[in-house]
Structures are given as C-alpha cells and as structure tokens.
C-alpha cells in the first residue's frame, strides 16, 4: 500500500508543475488548532489525544476556477492525562479544490486531499498510514497576489495492525505498545486555521 501511496504523491507532484497557460504558483502557510477524536485499542483501552496547535504549508498551482498541489501539516501533542506520552503527526497530501467568488475581494474554496500521515510516538517506532480528507475556506484579497485565509479541514487516518506495532497482551497494563494497538480504526482530526497565501 505504501508504494501505491508514494506513487500517487509523486504523480501529484509532477502534475502540479505541468505547464498551464495563465497558471500561477501559490505558496501558503497557516497555523491553528487541531481537534482529535478518541480511539480505542483492541484491549478496550481508551486513547485520548490532546487537542493542540498545528502549522500547515502548501504549494499549489492556480488554474481557472481551481487549484491543486501539495499540503504538509505538522502537530506535536501528547495523550491526555499522560504527559510523558508524546505524539507527532506529519501529513503529506495531494489536494485539489475549486474556487468560487463570495463577495468583492472575497473568494471561497472547497476540495479533497489524499496521501499519508506519519505518526511518531515517543514510546515506539514511527509508522506511516494512509490518510484522506476534505477542506474548505474563505480568502480575503489584500492585493492581487496576497490573500488572508480562514479554513477548516477534516483529516482521516486509517490506523490498523498492519503497522509495526506489537502488543504483549499478557502484559497489556505495562506494555506501552498496547497504547497504539488498534484494529482497522479511523483517527479523525479536525483543523481550524488562519493563514496567508501569495501568488506569483
């Protein structure tokens, strides 16, 4: 599966920089708050991820009434009530959206994403999972090139036991790997962000 995901991202990157007439490059950055759902392990332990801040970077191409490109997001957080158990989330996704006018100097966009989420707990090895999502937002046009944006994203990661994680069920109360011993579960995260983009 990882080879397929990698191929998708490479294809997306190549497509993103294919020449189009009147196409513009968009560089963007944003910060905001991430909200994570609760997960449950095979051993019925509750995994609650603390809501925390994230930062996002995008590089896209703009064409008539649309844009597409690459999205990167990073969040460092911890498990609730277990401050020593830390987690890093690193999303790398190909995304595509439609643009539409809202008002004078204001536009909106809505799109979808597909790629990977590399999750790195501090109590075991990192692993890479398939991820997808939907997003939308509004932009205020400060100038023809510079825009201020507000957006929301839904990001969903498939976490399962095809990962490197192993769990000693006989010692599940002391085996920290059991904290990430999930069976075909979805990790849903929601982001709200403010940022700025520049077109050239």
C-alpha atoms as a PDB file:
ATOM      1  CA  UNK A   1       0.000   0.000   0.000  1.00  0.00           C
ATOM      2  CA  UNK A   2       2.851   2.392   0.833  1.00  0.00           C
ATOM      3  CA  UNK A   3       4.249   2.064  -2.710  1.00  0.00           C
ATOM      4  CA  UNK A   4       0.833   2.971  -4.114  1.00  0.00           C
ATOM      5  CA  UNK A   5       0.583   5.999  -1.837  1.00  0.00           C
ATOM      6  CA  UNK A   6       4.101   7.116  -2.760  1.00  0.00           C
ATOM      7  CA  UNK A   7       3.296   6.739  -6.468  1.00  0.00           C
ATOM      8  CA  UNK A   8       0.165   8.848  -6.007  1.00  0.00           C
ATOM      9  CA  UNK A   9       2.127  11.617  -4.308  1.00  0.00           C
ATOM     10  CA  UNK A  10       4.861  11.611  -6.941  1.00  0.00           C
ATOM     11  CA  UNK A  11       2.253  11.751  -9.711  1.00  0.00           C
ATOM     12  CA  UNK A  12       0.533  14.609  -7.908  1.00  0.00           C
ATOM     13  CA  UNK A  13       3.799  16.497  -7.609  1.00  0.00           C
ATOM     14  CA  UNK A  14       4.544  16.072 -11.319  1.00  0.00           C
ATOM     15  CA  UNK A  15       1.040  17.129 -12.301  1.00  0.00           C
ATOM     16  CA  UNK A  16       1.301  20.161 -10.018  1.00  0.00           C
ATOM     17  CA  UNK A  17       4.177  21.555 -12.033  1.00  0.00           C
ATOM     18  CA  UNK A  18       2.938  20.692 -15.520  1.00  0.00           C
ATOM     19  CA  UNK A  19       2.755  23.937 -17.542  1.00  0.00           C
ATOM     20  CA  UNK A  20      -0.664  25.542 -17.994  1.00  0.00           C
ATOM     21  CA  UNK A  21      -1.397  28.848 -19.645  1.00  0.00           C
ATOM     22  CA  UNK A  22      -2.231  31.573 -17.121  1.00  0.00           C
ATOM     23  CA  UNK A  23      -1.337  29.240 -14.232  1.00  0.00           C
ATOM     24  CA  UNK A  24       0.093  30.796 -11.068  1.00  0.00           C
ATOM     25  CA  UNK A  25       2.116  29.295  -8.258  1.00  0.00           C
ATOM     26  CA  UNK A  26       0.587  29.691  -4.788  1.00  0.00           C
ATOM     27  CA  UNK A  27       2.697  29.456  -1.618  1.00  0.00           C
ATOM     28  CA  UNK A  28       0.742  29.409   1.632  1.00  0.00           C
ATOM     29  CA  UNK A  29       1.153  28.966   5.362  1.00  0.00           C
ATOM     30  CA  UNK A  30      -1.305  28.702   8.240  1.00  0.00           C
ATOM     31  CA  UNK A  31      -1.493  27.993  11.972  1.00  0.00           C
ATOM     32  CA  UNK A  32      -4.416  26.845  14.048  1.00  0.00           C
ATOM     33  CA  UNK A  33      -5.970  24.339  16.397  1.00  0.00           C
ATOM     34  CA  UNK A  34      -6.394  20.588  15.829  1.00  0.00           C
ATOM     35  CA  UNK A  35      -9.119  18.507  17.460  1.00  0.00           C
ATOM     36  CA  UNK A  36      -8.772  14.703  17.659  1.00  0.00           C
ATOM     37  CA  UNK A  37     -11.356  12.017  18.251  1.00  0.00           C
ATOM     38  CA  UNK A  38     -10.939   9.329  20.928  1.00  0.00           C
ATOM     39  CA  UNK A  39      -9.586   5.940  19.847  1.00  0.00           C
ATOM     40  CA  UNK A  40      -9.928   2.503  21.413  1.00  0.00           C
ATOM     41  CA  UNK A  41      -7.342  -0.289  21.393  1.00  0.00           C
ATOM     42  CA  UNK A  42      -8.073  -3.977  20.815  1.00  0.00           C
ATOM     43  CA  UNK A  43      -7.761  -4.364  24.587  1.00  0.00           C
ATOM     44  CA  UNK A  44     -10.507  -1.708  25.030  1.00  0.00           C
ATOM     45  CA  UNK A  45      -8.143   0.925  26.387  1.00  0.00           C
ATOM     46  CA  UNK A  46      -9.252   4.492  25.635  1.00  0.00           C
ATOM     47  CA  UNK A  47      -6.734   6.628  23.748  1.00  0.00           C
ATOM     48  CA  UNK A  48      -7.399  10.344  24.025  1.00  0.00           C
ATOM     49  CA  UNK A  49      -5.148  12.731  22.117  1.00  0.00           C
ATOM     50  CA  UNK A  50      -4.802  16.246  23.495  1.00  0.00           C
ATOM     51  CA  UNK A  51      -6.063  18.979  21.198  1.00  0.00           C
ATOM     52  CA  UNK A  52      -3.132  21.158  20.204  1.00  0.00           C
ATOM     53  CA  UNK A  53      -1.797  23.667  17.686  1.00  0.00           C
ATOM     54  CA  UNK A  54      -0.546  22.815  14.192  1.00  0.00           C
ATOM     55  CA  UNK A  55       1.121  24.562  11.294  1.00  0.00           C
ATOM     56  CA  UNK A  56       0.423  23.969   7.597  1.00  0.00           C
ATOM     57  CA  UNK A  57       2.357  24.663   4.409  1.00  0.00           C
ATOM     58  CA  UNK A  58       1.017  24.458   0.837  1.00  0.00           C
ATOM     59  CA  UNK A  59       2.444  24.803  -2.651  1.00  0.00           C
ATOM     60  CA  UNK A  60      -0.137  24.791  -5.411  1.00  0.00           C
ATOM     61  CA  UNK A  61      -0.927  25.834  -8.939  1.00  0.00           C
ATOM     62  CA  UNK A  62      -3.887  28.030  -9.707  1.00  0.00           C
ATOM     63  CA  UNK A  63      -5.852  27.483 -12.913  1.00  0.00           C
ATOM     64  CA  UNK A  64      -9.242  28.848 -13.958  1.00  0.00           C
ATOM     65  CA  UNK A  65     -11.642  28.426 -11.000  1.00  0.00           C
ATOM     66  CA  UNK A  66      -9.452  25.757  -9.357  1.00  0.00           C
ATOM     67  CA  UNK A  67      -6.119  24.984  -7.688  1.00  0.00           C
ATOM     68  CA  UNK A  68      -4.153  21.861  -6.864  1.00  0.00           C
ATOM     69  CA  UNK A  69      -0.853  20.896  -5.277  1.00  0.00           C
ATOM     70  CA  UNK A  70       0.806  19.597  -2.107  1.00  0.00           C
ATOM     71  CA  UNK A  71      -0.158  20.115   1.535  1.00  0.00           C
ATOM     72  CA  UNK A  72       2.016  19.493   4.619  1.00  0.00           C
ATOM     73  CA  UNK A  73       0.798  19.691   8.212  1.00  0.00           C
ATOM     74  CA  UNK A  74       2.609  19.064  11.498  1.00  0.00           C
ATOM     75  CA  UNK A  75       1.218  18.770  15.019  1.00  0.00           C
ATOM     76  CA  UNK A  76       3.114  17.822  18.174  1.00  0.00           C
ATOM     77  CA  UNK A  77       0.918  16.792  21.093  1.00  0.00           C
ATOM     78  CA  UNK A  78       0.505  14.188  23.851  1.00  0.00           C
ATOM     79  CA  UNK A  79      -2.000  11.744  25.257  1.00  0.00           C
ATOM     80  CA  UNK A  80      -4.445  13.283  27.698  1.00  0.00           C
ATOM     81  CA  UNK A  81      -3.554  12.583  31.340  1.00  0.00           C
ATOM     82  CA  UNK A  82      -0.236  11.036  30.212  1.00  0.00           C
ATOM     83  CA  UNK A  83       2.091  13.950  29.629  1.00  0.00           C
ATOM     84  CA  UNK A  84       5.108  11.671  29.080  1.00  0.00           C
ATOM     85  CA  UNK A  85       3.398  10.009  26.069  1.00  0.00           C
ATOM     86  CA  UNK A  86       4.025  12.395  23.158  1.00  0.00           C
ATOM     87  CA  UNK A  87       2.945  12.150  19.510  1.00  0.00           C
ATOM     88  CA  UNK A  88       3.965  13.893  16.282  1.00  0.00           C
ATOM     89  CA  UNK A  89       1.572  13.921  13.306  1.00  0.00           C
ATOM     90  CA  UNK A  90       3.007  14.701   9.878  1.00  0.00           C
ATOM     91  CA  UNK A  91       0.542  14.842   6.974  1.00  0.00           C
ATOM     92  CA  UNK A  92       1.735  14.958   3.362  1.00  0.00           C
ATOM     93  CA  UNK A  93      -1.215  15.096   0.973  1.00  0.00           C
ATOM     94  CA  UNK A  94      -2.024  15.902  -2.643  1.00  0.00           C
ATOM     95  CA  UNK A  95      -5.004  18.229  -2.747  1.00  0.00           C
ATOM     96  CA  UNK A  96      -7.312  19.804  -5.277  1.00  0.00           C
ATOM     97  CA  UNK A  97     -10.024  22.441  -4.821  1.00  0.00           C
ATOM     98  CA  UNK A  98     -12.490  24.546  -6.741  1.00  0.00           C
ATOM     99  CA  UNK A  99     -12.517  28.341  -6.279  1.00  0.00           C
ATOM    100  CA  UNK A 100     -15.661  30.470  -6.325  1.00  0.00           C
ATOM    101  CA  UNK A 101     -16.454  34.164  -5.697  1.00  0.00           C
ATOM    102  CA  UNK A 102     -18.241  35.131  -2.464  1.00  0.00           C
ATOM    103  CA  UNK A 103     -18.173  38.936  -2.445  1.00  0.00           C
ATOM    104  CA  UNK A 104     -15.970  41.793  -3.553  1.00  0.00           C
ATOM    105  CA  UNK A 105     -12.368  40.868  -2.678  1.00  0.00           C
ATOM    106  CA  UNK A 106     -13.588  37.631  -1.026  1.00  0.00           C
ATOM    107  CA  UNK A 107     -13.472  34.129  -2.535  1.00  0.00           C
ATOM    108  CA  UNK A 108     -14.150  30.645  -1.243  1.00  0.00           C
ATOM    109  CA  UNK A 109     -12.778  27.196  -1.974  1.00  0.00           C
ATOM    110  CA  UNK A 110     -13.666  23.561  -1.327  1.00  0.00           C
ATOM    111  CA  UNK A 111     -11.597  20.474  -2.056  1.00  0.00           C
ATOM    112  CA  UNK A 112     -10.326  16.983  -1.206  1.00  0.00           C
ATOM    113  CA  UNK A 113      -6.980  15.501  -0.167  1.00  0.00           C
ATOM    114  CA  UNK A 114      -5.212  12.137  -0.436  1.00  0.00           C
ATOM    115  CA  UNK A 115      -1.840  10.963   0.905  1.00  0.00           C
ATOM    116  CA  UNK A 116      -0.079   9.796   4.067  1.00  0.00           C
ATOM    117  CA  UNK A 117       0.169  10.587   7.769  1.00  0.00           C
ATOM    118  CA  UNK A 118       3.439   9.700   9.514  1.00  0.00           C
ATOM    119  CA  UNK A 119       2.750   9.259  13.228  1.00  0.00           C
ATOM    120  CA  UNK A 120       5.683   9.223  15.625  1.00  0.00           C
ATOM    121  CA  UNK A 121       5.008   8.296  19.267  1.00  0.00           C
ATOM    122  CA  UNK A 122       7.913   8.729  21.697  1.00  0.00           C
ATOM    123  CA  UNK A 123       7.334   5.273  23.183  1.00  0.00           C
ATOM    124  CA  UNK A 124       7.769   3.240  19.959  1.00  0.00           C
ATOM    125  CA  UNK A 125       8.840   3.439  16.305  1.00  0.00           C
ATOM    126  CA  UNK A 126       7.107   5.816  13.928  1.00  0.00           C
ATOM    127  CA  UNK A 127       4.799   4.452  11.241  1.00  0.00           C
ATOM    128  CA  UNK A 128       3.111   5.735   8.081  1.00  0.00           C
ATOM    129  CA  UNK A 129      -0.606   5.402   7.390  1.00  0.00           C
ATOM    130  CA  UNK A 130      -2.999   6.183   4.535  1.00  0.00           C
ATOM    131  CA  UNK A 131      -4.855   9.474   5.017  1.00  0.00           C
ATOM    132  CA  UNK A 132      -7.531  11.471   3.213  1.00  0.00           C
ATOM    133  CA  UNK A 133      -9.692  14.479   3.892  1.00  0.00           C
ATOM    134  CA  UNK A 134     -11.918  17.346   2.862  1.00  0.00           C
ATOM    135  CA  UNK A 135     -11.319  21.061   3.339  1.00  0.00           C
ATOM    136  CA  UNK A 136     -12.796  24.443   2.648  1.00  0.00           C
ATOM    137  CA  UNK A 137     -12.289  28.082   3.450  1.00  0.00           C
ATOM    138  CA  UNK A 138     -12.575  31.726   2.522  1.00  0.00           C
ATOM    139  CA  UNK A 139      -9.897  34.166   1.389  1.00  0.00           C
ATOM    140  CA  UNK A 140      -9.772  37.951   1.633  1.00  0.00           C
ATOM    141  CA  UNK A 141      -7.778  39.502  -1.218  1.00  0.00           C
ATOM    142  CA  UNK A 142      -5.439  42.072   0.310  1.00  0.00           C
ATOM    143  CA  UNK A 143      -3.827  42.585  -3.093  1.00  0.00           C
ATOM    144  CA  UNK A 144      -3.920  40.740  -6.395  1.00  0.00           C
ATOM    145  CA  UNK A 145      -1.134  38.472  -5.106  1.00  0.00           C
ATOM    146  CA  UNK A 146      -1.637  38.345  -1.327  1.00  0.00           C
ATOM    147  CA  UNK A 147      -4.611  36.763   0.435  1.00  0.00           C
ATOM    148  CA  UNK A 148      -5.561  36.167   4.071  1.00  0.00           C
ATOM    149  CA  UNK A 149      -7.408  32.891   4.629  1.00  0.00           C
ATOM    150  CA  UNK A 150      -9.571  31.123   7.182  1.00  0.00           C
ATOM    151  CA  UNK A 151     -10.140  27.398   6.632  1.00  0.00           C
ATOM    152  CA  UNK A 152     -11.326  24.168   8.209  1.00  0.00           C
ATOM    153  CA  UNK A 153     -10.165  20.645   7.410  1.00  0.00           C
ATOM    154  CA  UNK A 154     -11.321  17.128   8.173  1.00  0.00           C
ATOM    155  CA  UNK A 155      -8.398  14.665   8.085  1.00  0.00           C
ATOM    156  CA  UNK A 156      -8.948  10.923   8.471  1.00  0.00           C
ATOM    157  CA  UNK A 157      -6.160   8.364   9.009  1.00  0.00           C
ATOM    158  CA  UNK A 158      -6.563   4.582   8.823  1.00  0.00           C
ATOM    159  CA  UNK A 159      -4.622   3.069  11.747  1.00  0.00           C
ATOM    160  CA  UNK A 160      -4.505  -0.713  11.998  1.00  0.00           C
ATOM    161  CA  UNK A 161      -2.380  -3.707  12.965  1.00  0.00           C
ATOM    162  CA  UNK A 162      -0.591  -3.851   9.624  1.00  0.00           C
ATOM    163  CA  UNK A 163       1.734  -1.365  11.324  1.00  0.00           C
ATOM    164  CA  UNK A 164       4.982  -2.120  13.159  1.00  0.00           C
ATOM    165  CA  UNK A 165       3.190  -2.084  16.497  1.00  0.00           C
ATOM    166  CA  UNK A 166       3.132  -5.279  18.545  1.00  0.00           C
ATOM    167  CA  UNK A 167       1.467  -5.692  21.899  1.00  0.00           C
ATOM    168  CA  UNK A 168       2.143  -8.213  24.643  1.00  0.00           C
ATOM    169  CA  UNK A 169      -1.456  -8.925  25.595  1.00  0.00           C
ATOM    170  CA  UNK A 170      -0.340 -10.830  28.682  1.00  0.00           C
ATOM    171  CA  UNK A 171       1.251  -7.613  29.967  1.00  0.00           C
ATOM    172  CA  UNK A 172      -1.058  -5.067  28.404  1.00  0.00           C
ATOM    173  CA  UNK A 173      -1.132  -2.876  31.506  1.00  0.00           C
ATOM    174  CA  UNK A 174       2.634  -2.326  31.390  1.00  0.00           C
ATOM    175  CA  UNK A 175       3.393  -2.729  27.684  1.00  0.00           C
ATOM    176  CA  UNK A 176       3.348   0.819  26.286  1.00  0.00           C
ATOM    177  CA  UNK A 177       2.972  -0.558  22.740  1.00  0.00           C
ATOM    178  CA  UNK A 178      -0.564  -1.541  23.705  1.00  0.00           C
ATOM    179  CA  UNK A 179      -1.384   2.168  23.727  1.00  0.00           C
ATOM    180  CA  UNK A 180      -1.202   2.106  19.921  1.00  0.00           C
ATOM    181  CA  UNK A 181      -2.596  -1.413  19.307  1.00  0.00           C
ATOM    182  CA  UNK A 182      -5.516  -0.558  17.057  1.00  0.00           C
ATOM    183  CA  UNK A 183      -7.543  -2.708  14.702  1.00  0.00           C
ATOM    184  CA  UNK A 184      -8.721  -1.040  11.490  1.00  0.00           C
ATOM    185  CA  UNK A 185      -9.777   2.129  13.278  1.00  0.00           C
ATOM    186  CA  UNK A 186     -10.122   5.625  11.845  1.00  0.00           C
ATOM    187  CA  UNK A 187      -8.405   8.556  13.506  1.00  0.00           C
ATOM    188  CA  UNK A 188     -10.427  11.645  12.637  1.00  0.00           C
ATOM    189  CA  UNK A 189      -8.885  15.048  13.216  1.00  0.00           C
ATOM    190  CA  UNK A 190     -10.361  18.467  12.550  1.00  0.00           C
ATOM    191  CA  UNK A 191      -8.391  21.659  11.960  1.00  0.00           C
ATOM    192  CA  UNK A 192      -9.310  25.311  12.066  1.00  0.00           C
ATOM    193  CA  UNK A 193      -6.609  27.633  10.723  1.00  0.00           C
ATOM    194  CA  UNK A 194      -5.790  31.199   9.764  1.00  0.00           C
ATOM    195  CA  UNK A 195      -3.026  31.972   7.323  1.00  0.00           C
ATOM    196  CA  UNK A 196      -1.765  33.856   4.319  1.00  0.00           C
ATOM    197  CA  UNK A 197      -1.015  32.911   0.712  1.00  0.00           C
ATOM    198  CA  UNK A 198       0.993  34.575  -2.042  1.00  0.00           C
ATOM    199  CA  UNK A 199       0.590  34.082  -5.796  1.00  0.00           C
ATOM    200  CA  UNK A 200       3.238  34.744  -8.423  1.00  0.00           C
END
